């Protein structure tokens, strides 16, 4: 005879929890799980950036060029100045004073060189002859070729477009031929969590228009009697907006469903206006749980990621917040972001739900006194941009090689922080 309790027993049927409860639970769990101790905090930008591996840590590839040059010290200076190379250790100097070995890192690769030793059959190219070529991949071949020529390279072929990309050819002062190139851009779809539009919010939009026009070379148009401005001539959608008490960068993030995202924002502790249908699509204005304003929208089908390495573009964002754990939980819930640890305490690197970097690349930094979003922009010449910042009433650190490029932290004439970089 069966047990009556067994006979009356109902099988366990899983149920779907309330979406708002699930969002709150996820936020709470992420705050607890991701709160891991880290090294001491440092600079917000360098703390969160997943910069290229340090020059001394680069692993050698299957093939590493090892070239002979007439003057190794001069060649090293040229490669550092023209190609952004980073020295790897100290050169090895032979008893007769010649440099027998030296290394630099260029991007993700290593270049080895030595002065020529004719007695050993090791010689530099003869004038007018270059038996081999090296191809150098860069984001901006025009700027690199111009810089190389300024530092003494001979221009063999001006930069131009071709089916294989954009590039030009120079012969360096040591006689080596360089094909400076950029592969054709491959269109990648805009993903959930990517920025489709960004606007610098400032108190005085007229002052911001003059300042950033001078520093970044932006062409700006808009209703000059109102608060809105639009940056023209860039693939990215960028703008300025005035009348704001607190300076920040408003990011409009791509999502699949604005209404569902609004519910997640509210469940995760933020606030959100009711969605509206605009000429560019359905959108909603939101504020995160630490006071940062943002917006969400559904991009048009076929929308692609813009180039974030071109001059004047927004290439990196740092979300600075008092509590990084809360921010990770909030943006993980709302935008589906994951996070990789940065290099110091409270520094994190955001990745999209697909595992790719966000566009533009985004870092998160905790421990800030006030919540804000700090942008980084690409410039042709960091020193010139720094001079323009100071001339325009802002402040700027001196340019420094950060490993991923030459950069400088600045504040504009209204006290808002931003960065400039040359990759």
Protein backbone atom coordinates (compact mmCIF):
# COMPACT_ATOMS: atom_id res chain seq x y z
CA UNK A 1 0.00 0.00 0.00
CA UNK A 2 1.39 3.36 -0.97
CA UNK A 3 2.00 6.09 1.56
CA UNK A 4 -0.91 8.59 1.45
CA UNK A 5 1.55 11.49 1.53
CA UNK A 6 3.34 10.07 -1.52
CA UNK A 7 0.04 9.70 -3.34
CA UNK A 8 -0.88 13.30 -2.63
CA UNK A 9 2.56 14.65 -3.52
CA UNK A 10 2.62 17.09 -6.47
CA UNK A 11 5.71 17.22 -8.68
CA UNK A 12 7.87 20.33 -8.42
CA UNK A 13 7.04 22.71 -11.24
CA UNK A 14 9.59 25.51 -11.83
CA UNK A 15 8.10 28.98 -12.10
CA UNK A 16 9.46 32.13 -13.69
CA UNK A 17 10.21 34.75 -11.02
CA UNK A 18 8.92 38.29 -11.32
CA UNK A 19 11.32 40.16 -13.70
CA UNK A 20 11.73 43.08 -11.29
CA UNK A 21 12.58 40.70 -8.43
CA UNK A 22 15.05 38.86 -10.67
CA UNK A 23 16.76 42.12 -11.60
CA UNK A 24 17.07 43.19 -7.96
CA UNK A 25 18.42 39.78 -6.97
CA UNK A 26 20.97 39.82 -9.79
CA UNK A 27 22.12 43.30 -8.79
CA UNK A 28 22.53 42.21 -5.17
CA UNK A 29 24.43 39.05 -6.09
CA UNK A 30 26.76 40.91 -8.45
CA UNK A 31 27.55 43.48 -5.78
CA UNK A 32 28.56 40.68 -3.41
CA UNK A 33 30.39 38.40 -5.83
CA UNK A 34 32.35 41.07 -7.68
CA UNK A 35 33.53 42.92 -4.58
CA UNK A 36 37.03 41.40 -4.59
CA UNK A 37 40.08 43.09 -2.96
CA UNK A 38 42.47 44.63 -5.49
CA UNK A 39 45.74 46.63 -5.50
CA UNK A 40 45.66 50.28 -4.53
CA UNK A 41 43.85 52.69 -6.83
CA UNK A 42 45.71 54.94 -9.22
CA UNK A 43 44.91 57.03 -12.22
CA UNK A 44 41.36 56.39 -13.41
CA UNK A 45 42.18 56.13 -17.09
CA UNK A 46 45.22 53.89 -16.81
CA UNK A 47 43.55 51.87 -14.09
CA UNK A 48 40.68 50.74 -16.26
CA UNK A 49 42.23 50.66 -19.71
CA UNK A 50 43.17 47.28 -21.08
CA UNK A 51 46.24 48.78 -22.69
CA UNK A 52 48.58 46.67 -24.80
CA UNK A 53 50.94 44.45 -22.88
CA UNK A 54 54.02 46.23 -21.57
CA UNK A 55 56.88 46.28 -24.04
CA UNK A 56 59.06 44.13 -21.78
CA UNK A 57 56.34 41.49 -21.49
CA UNK A 58 55.64 40.99 -25.20
CA UNK A 59 56.11 37.43 -26.41
CA UNK A 60 58.01 36.92 -29.66
CA UNK A 61 56.00 35.86 -32.70
CA UNK A 62 57.01 33.07 -35.06
CA UNK A 63 59.02 35.57 -37.12
CA UNK A 64 60.78 38.59 -35.61
CA UNK A 65 62.66 41.02 -37.88
CA UNK A 66 66.29 41.59 -36.90
CA UNK A 67 67.82 44.40 -38.93
CA UNK A 68 71.24 45.99 -39.32
CA UNK A 69 71.58 49.77 -39.25
CA UNK A 70 74.49 52.22 -39.64
CA UNK A 71 73.69 54.06 -36.39
CA UNK A 72 71.66 52.13 -33.84
CA UNK A 73 71.12 55.03 -31.44
CA UNK A 74 69.73 57.20 -34.24
CA UNK A 75 67.57 54.33 -35.52
CA UNK A 76 66.09 53.77 -32.06
CA UNK A 77 65.24 57.46 -31.75
CA UNK A 78 63.59 57.38 -35.19
CA UNK A 79 61.43 54.32 -34.48
CA UNK A 80 60.31 55.77 -31.14
CA UNK A 81 59.45 59.14 -32.65
CA UNK A 82 57.98 58.02 -35.97
CA UNK A 83 56.29 54.71 -35.15
CA UNK A 84 55.58 55.08 -31.43
CA UNK A 85 58.03 52.30 -30.55
CA UNK A 86 58.81 51.53 -26.92
CA UNK A 87 62.35 50.51 -25.94
CA UNK A 88 62.80 47.02 -24.48
CA UNK A 89 65.62 47.13 -21.99
CA UNK A 90 69.03 48.68 -22.55
CA UNK A 91 71.08 48.18 -25.72
CA UNK A 92 74.06 45.82 -25.55
CA UNK A 93 77.22 47.79 -26.33
CA UNK A 94 80.21 45.91 -27.70
CA UNK A 95 83.82 46.60 -26.58
CA UNK A 96 84.44 48.72 -29.68
CA UNK A 97 81.45 50.95 -28.84
CA UNK A 98 79.07 49.61 -31.45
CA UNK A 99 75.59 48.55 -30.36
CA UNK A 100 75.43 44.81 -30.84
CA UNK A 101 71.79 44.32 -29.90
CA UNK A 102 68.74 46.44 -29.12
CA UNK A 103 64.99 45.89 -29.13
CA UNK A 104 61.84 47.97 -29.41
CA UNK A 105 58.18 47.05 -29.26
CA UNK A 106 55.96 48.43 -32.00
CA UNK A 107 52.33 47.62 -31.32
CA UNK A 108 52.16 43.91 -30.51
CA UNK A 109 55.47 43.02 -32.19
CA UNK A 110 59.17 43.24 -31.44
CA UNK A 111 61.82 44.70 -33.73
CA UNK A 112 65.45 43.75 -33.06
CA UNK A 113 68.39 45.66 -34.47
CA UNK A 114 72.15 46.00 -34.32
CA UNK A 115 74.75 48.19 -35.91
CA UNK A 116 76.33 46.70 -38.99
CA UNK A 117 79.33 44.41 -38.66
CA UNK A 118 80.77 44.13 -42.20
CA UNK A 119 83.50 41.81 -40.95
CA UNK A 120 80.75 39.32 -40.12
CA UNK A 121 78.74 39.93 -43.28
CA UNK A 122 76.06 41.89 -41.39
CA UNK A 123 75.45 45.14 -43.28
CA UNK A 124 72.75 47.79 -43.52
CA UNK A 125 71.04 48.44 -46.88
CA UNK A 126 73.11 50.44 -49.34
CA UNK A 127 71.77 53.82 -50.37
CA UNK A 128 68.95 53.45 -52.88
CA UNK A 129 68.59 49.73 -52.21
CA UNK A 130 66.26 47.96 -49.80
CA UNK A 131 66.21 44.17 -50.24
CA UNK A 132 63.13 43.66 -48.03
CA UNK A 133 60.07 45.53 -46.79
CA UNK A 134 58.25 45.59 -43.48
CA UNK A 135 54.51 46.23 -43.22
CA UNK A 136 53.37 48.30 -40.27
CA UNK A 137 49.67 48.27 -39.36
CA UNK A 138 48.48 51.55 -37.81
CA UNK A 139 45.11 53.24 -37.23
CA UNK A 140 46.18 56.44 -39.05
CA UNK A 141 48.73 55.87 -41.84
CA UNK A 142 48.56 59.52 -42.94
CA UNK A 143 49.77 60.78 -39.57
CA UNK A 144 52.47 58.11 -39.23
CA UNK A 145 53.87 58.70 -42.72
CA UNK A 146 53.91 62.46 -42.17
CA UNK A 147 55.70 62.02 -38.85
CA UNK A 148 58.26 59.64 -40.39
CA UNK A 149 59.06 62.09 -43.18
CA UNK A 150 59.42 64.93 -40.68
CA UNK A 151 61.99 62.81 -38.81
CA UNK A 152 64.09 62.06 -41.88
CA UNK A 153 62.43 59.22 -43.78
CA UNK A 154 62.22 59.37 -47.56
CA UNK A 155 58.71 59.28 -49.00
CA UNK A 156 58.57 56.57 -51.66
CA UNK A 157 54.80 56.39 -52.15
CA UNK A 158 52.26 58.88 -50.75
CA UNK A 159 49.38 57.57 -48.70
CA UNK A 160 46.42 56.54 -50.83
CA UNK A 161 43.42 54.23 -50.83
CA UNK A 162 43.44 50.83 -52.52
CA UNK A 163 41.34 47.66 -52.42
CA UNK A 164 43.73 46.44 -49.71
CA UNK A 165 43.25 49.43 -47.43
CA UNK A 166 44.95 52.79 -47.01
CA UNK A 167 48.70 53.22 -46.83
CA UNK A 168 51.96 54.68 -48.05
CA UNK A 169 55.62 53.70 -48.21
CA UNK A 170 58.64 55.34 -46.58
CA UNK A 171 62.32 54.43 -46.42
CA UNK A 172 63.74 55.16 -42.99
CA UNK A 173 67.11 56.93 -42.48
CA UNK A 174 68.80 53.54 -42.03
CA UNK A 175 67.61 52.43 -45.49
CA UNK A 176 64.80 50.08 -44.49
CA UNK A 177 61.52 50.18 -46.40
CA UNK A 178 58.26 50.42 -44.47
CA UNK A 179 54.77 49.87 -45.86
CA UNK A 180 52.63 51.88 -43.43
CA UNK A 181 49.10 50.55 -43.80
CA UNK A 182 45.61 50.23 -42.46
CA UNK A 183 43.42 47.37 -43.61
CA UNK A 184 39.98 48.16 -45.06
CA UNK A 185 37.45 48.78 -42.34
CA UNK A 186 35.16 45.87 -41.67
CA UNK A 187 31.67 46.89 -40.69
CA UNK A 188 30.55 45.42 -37.38
CA UNK A 189 26.96 45.65 -36.19
CA UNK A 190 26.08 47.93 -33.31
CA UNK A 191 25.63 45.74 -30.24
CA UNK A 192 23.55 46.08 -27.11
CA UNK A 193 25.45 48.37 -24.76
CA UNK A 194 27.31 50.23 -27.53
CA UNK A 195 27.06 54.02 -27.58
CA UNK A 196 25.01 55.27 -30.52
CA UNK A 197 25.21 58.93 -29.52
CA UNK A 198 27.25 60.90 -26.98
CA UNK A 199 26.82 64.48 -25.84
CA UNK A 200 29.05 66.63 -23.64
CA UNK A 201 26.81 68.26 -21.04
CA UNK A 202 28.13 71.61 -19.87
CA UNK A 203 26.85 74.74 -18.16
CA UNK A 204 27.77 77.10 -21.05
CA UNK A 205 27.28 75.47 -24.44
CA UNK A 206 28.69 78.47 -26.34
CA UNK A 207 31.94 78.29 -24.38
CA UNK A 208 32.07 74.52 -24.92
CA UNK A 209 31.57 74.98 -28.66
CA UNK A 210 34.52 77.39 -28.87
CA UNK A 211 36.75 75.31 -26.61
CA UNK A 212 36.28 71.89 -28.22
CA UNK A 213 36.27 73.35 -31.70
CA UNK A 214 39.76 74.70 -31.01
CA UNK A 215 41.10 71.63 -29.18
CA UNK A 216 39.59 68.80 -31.26
CA UNK A 217 39.08 70.58 -34.58
CA UNK A 218 35.35 69.90 -34.45
CA UNK A 219 32.94 71.55 -36.86
CA UNK A 220 29.80 72.28 -34.86
CA UNK A 221 26.35 73.41 -35.89
CA UNK A 222 22.98 73.79 -34.22
CA UNK A 223 20.43 76.20 -32.86
CA UNK A 224 22.68 78.88 -31.44
CA UNK A 225 19.75 80.42 -29.56
CA UNK A 226 19.14 77.10 -27.83
CA UNK A 227 21.23 74.63 -25.85
CA UNK A 228 21.86 71.88 -28.41
CA UNK A 229 24.81 71.54 -30.78
CA UNK A 230 25.75 68.82 -33.28
CA UNK A 231 29.29 67.81 -34.26
CA UNK A 232 29.60 67.37 -38.02
CA UNK A 233 32.19 65.62 -40.15
CA UNK A 234 32.62 62.57 -37.90
CA UNK A 235 31.27 59.07 -38.40
CA UNK A 236 30.21 59.07 -34.76
CA UNK A 237 27.09 60.90 -33.61
CA UNK A 238 28.40 63.50 -31.15
CA UNK A 239 26.98 66.67 -29.67
CA UNK A 240 27.03 69.33 -26.97
CA UNK A 241 24.24 70.36 -24.63
CA UNK A 242 24.19 73.38 -22.34
CA UNK A 243 22.38 74.62 -19.27
CA UNK A 244 23.58 71.72 -17.10
CA UNK A 245 24.70 72.27 -13.50
CA UNK A 246 26.95 69.19 -13.50
CA UNK A 247 29.31 68.36 -16.37
CA UNK A 248 29.26 64.82 -17.72
CA UNK A 249 29.05 62.86 -20.96
CA UNK A 250 25.55 61.67 -21.77
CA UNK A 251 25.71 58.28 -23.51
CA UNK A 252 22.78 56.90 -25.48
CA UNK A 253 23.13 53.10 -25.42
CA UNK A 254 21.76 50.65 -27.96
CA UNK A 255 19.26 48.10 -26.62
CA UNK A 256 16.91 45.54 -28.13
CA UNK A 257 13.78 46.70 -26.29
CA UNK A 258 13.47 50.17 -24.75
CA UNK A 259 10.37 49.34 -22.68
CA UNK A 260 11.95 46.23 -21.17
CA UNK A 261 15.16 48.15 -20.45
CA UNK A 262 13.22 50.91 -18.67
CA UNK A 263 11.75 48.23 -16.38
CA UNK A 264 15.25 46.90 -15.66
CA UNK A 265 16.57 50.41 -14.91
CA UNK A 266 13.84 50.94 -12.33
CA UNK A 267 14.25 47.47 -10.84
CA UNK A 268 18.02 47.99 -10.50
CA UNK A 269 17.56 51.22 -8.53
CA UNK A 270 17.69 53.83 -11.28
CA UNK A 271 15.01 56.10 -12.67
CA UNK A 272 13.61 56.30 -16.19
CA UNK A 273 11.14 58.42 -18.11
CA UNK A 274 8.43 56.75 -20.11
CA UNK A 275 9.68 55.73 -23.59
CA UNK A 276 8.89 58.01 -26.51
CA UNK A 277 9.02 57.56 -30.27
CA UNK A 278 11.45 60.01 -31.88
CA UNK A 279 12.48 60.46 -35.55
CA UNK A 280 15.56 58.34 -34.85
CA UNK A 281 13.62 55.59 -33.04
CA UNK A 282 12.13 54.66 -29.70
CA UNK A 283 14.10 56.05 -26.77
CA UNK A 284 13.99 56.78 -23.05
CA UNK A 285 15.96 59.08 -20.75
CA UNK A 286 17.32 57.41 -17.62
CA UNK A 287 19.51 58.00 -14.56
CA UNK A 288 21.54 55.21 -12.97
CA UNK A 289 21.49 54.40 -9.26
CA UNK A 290 24.44 56.75 -8.58
CA UNK A 291 23.11 59.77 -10.46
CA UNK A 292 24.63 59.45 -13.95
CA UNK A 293 22.17 60.42 -16.70
CA UNK A 294 22.04 58.27 -19.83
CA UNK A 295 19.57 57.23 -22.49
CA UNK A 296 18.65 54.05 -24.35
CA UNK A 297 17.39 53.57 -27.87
CA UNK A 298 16.70 50.87 -30.44
CA UNK A 299 19.06 51.33 -33.42
CA UNK A 300 17.83 51.00 -36.96
CA UNK A 301 18.37 47.57 -38.55
CA UNK A 302 21.82 47.33 -40.12
CA UNK A 303 23.40 49.99 -37.87
CA UNK A 304 27.16 49.48 -37.58
CA UNK A 305 29.84 50.50 -35.13
CA UNK A 306 31.65 53.72 -36.09
CA UNK A 307 35.43 54.03 -36.35
CA UNK A 308 36.67 55.08 -32.91
CA UNK A 309 40.30 55.68 -33.93
CA UNK A 310 39.81 58.58 -36.35
CA UNK A 311 40.87 62.09 -35.37
CA UNK A 312 38.22 63.89 -33.32
CA UNK A 313 36.34 60.74 -32.34
CA UNK A 314 35.38 59.49 -28.92
CA UNK A 315 37.62 56.47 -28.38
CA UNK A 316 37.28 55.63 -24.66
CA UNK A 317 34.91 56.31 -21.77
CA UNK A 318 35.60 56.09 -18.05
CA UNK A 319 32.52 55.82 -15.86
CA UNK A 320 33.66 57.26 -12.52
CA UNK A 321 31.43 56.38 -9.57
CA UNK A 322 31.64 56.27 -5.77
CA UNK A 323 30.72 52.56 -5.66
CA UNK A 324 32.09 50.32 -8.42
CA UNK A 325 30.25 47.26 -7.12
CA UNK A 326 26.89 48.96 -7.46
CA UNK A 327 27.79 50.23 -10.93
CA UNK A 328 28.85 46.78 -12.13
CA UNK A 329 25.60 45.33 -10.87
CA UNK A 330 23.52 48.12 -12.41
CA UNK A 331 25.07 48.12 -15.88
CA UNK A 332 25.33 44.34 -15.90
CA UNK A 333 21.60 44.17 -15.26
CA UNK A 334 20.53 46.96 -17.61
CA UNK A 335 22.96 46.57 -20.54
CA UNK A 336 24.16 43.00 -20.08
CA UNK A 337 27.77 44.09 -19.58
CA UNK A 338 30.37 41.85 -18.06
CA UNK A 339 33.53 43.16 -16.40
CA UNK A 340 37.19 42.20 -16.38
CA UNK A 341 39.45 43.43 -13.59
CA UNK A 342 41.61 46.45 -14.38
CA UNK A 343 45.11 46.92 -13.07
CA UNK A 344 44.31 48.62 -9.75
CA UNK A 345 41.64 48.58 -7.08
CA UNK A 346 38.20 49.60 -8.28
CA UNK A 347 39.25 49.58 -11.94
CA UNK A 348 37.19 47.45 -14.35
CA UNK A 349 36.96 46.93 -18.10
CA UNK A 350 33.46 46.57 -19.58
CA UNK A 351 32.64 43.91 -22.18
CA UNK A 352 29.39 43.45 -24.07
CA UNK A 353 27.14 40.46 -23.65
CA UNK A 354 28.82 38.85 -26.68
CA UNK A 355 32.22 39.08 -24.97
CA UNK A 356 33.54 41.86 -27.25
CA UNK A 357 34.78 45.22 -26.04
CA UNK A 358 32.08 47.84 -26.00
CA UNK A 359 32.17 50.59 -28.63
CA UNK A 360 33.74 52.86 -27.66
CA UNK A 361 35.86 50.94 -25.18
CA UNK A 362 34.58 51.60 -21.67
CA UNK A 363 36.16 51.43 -18.24
CA UNK A 364 34.60 51.68 -14.80
CA UNK A 365 36.36 53.29 -11.86
CA UNK A 366 35.16 53.35 -8.25
CA UNK A 367 36.01 55.57 -5.33
CA UNK A 368 35.18 58.85 -7.08
CA UNK A 369 33.76 61.70 -5.02
CA UNK A 370 31.07 62.35 -7.61
CA UNK A 371 29.65 60.21 -10.41
CA UNK A 372 30.56 61.29 -13.93
CA UNK A 373 31.55 59.96 -17.37
CA UNK A 374 34.97 61.10 -18.59
CA UNK A 375 35.66 60.89 -22.35
CA UNK A 376 38.90 60.39 -24.30
CA UNK A 377 39.28 61.82 -27.81
CA UNK A 378 41.73 61.02 -30.61
CA UNK A 379 43.96 63.87 -31.83
CA UNK A 380 46.73 64.10 -34.42
CA UNK A 381 49.16 65.84 -32.08
CA UNK A 382 48.82 65.57 -28.31
CA UNK A 383 51.29 68.38 -27.62
CA UNK A 384 49.34 70.73 -29.89
CA UNK A 385 46.06 69.71 -28.26
CA UNK A 386 47.53 70.35 -24.80
CA UNK A 387 48.66 73.80 -25.94
CA UNK A 388 45.15 74.53 -27.26
CA UNK A 389 43.61 73.40 -23.96
CA UNK A 390 45.82 75.76 -21.98
CA UNK A 391 45.29 78.62 -24.43
CA UNK A 392 41.52 78.11 -24.16
CA UNK A 393 41.48 78.46 -20.39
CA UNK A 394 41.67 74.79 -19.46
CA UNK A 395 44.42 72.80 -17.77
CA UNK A 396 46.39 69.82 -19.02
CA UNK A 397 49.09 67.44 -17.88
CA UNK A 398 52.16 67.14 -20.07
CA UNK A 399 51.84 64.42 -22.75
CA UNK A 400 53.09 61.00 -21.66
CA UNK A 401 53.52 57.60 -23.30
CA UNK A 402 50.89 55.39 -21.69
CA UNK A 403 51.79 52.17 -23.53
CA UNK A 404 48.72 52.29 -25.78
CA UNK A 405 49.67 55.72 -27.17
CA UNK A 406 50.67 59.22 -26.14
CA UNK A 407 47.97 60.78 -23.96
CA UNK A 408 47.26 63.66 -21.59
CA UNK A 409 44.57 64.28 -19.00
CA UNK A 410 42.91 67.68 -19.34
CA UNK A 411 40.14 69.83 -17.93
CA UNK A 412 38.18 72.25 -20.06
CA UNK A 413 37.47 75.90 -19.23
CA UNK A 414 34.39 74.81 -17.26
CA UNK A 415 36.30 72.34 -15.09
CA UNK A 416 35.20 69.12 -16.81
CA UNK A 417 37.80 66.36 -17.19
CA UNK A 418 38.64 64.67 -20.48
CA UNK A 419 41.59 62.97 -22.18
CA UNK A 420 43.33 63.32 -25.52
CA UNK A 421 45.33 60.51 -27.15
CA UNK A 422 47.34 59.75 -30.25
CA UNK A 423 47.59 56.03 -30.95
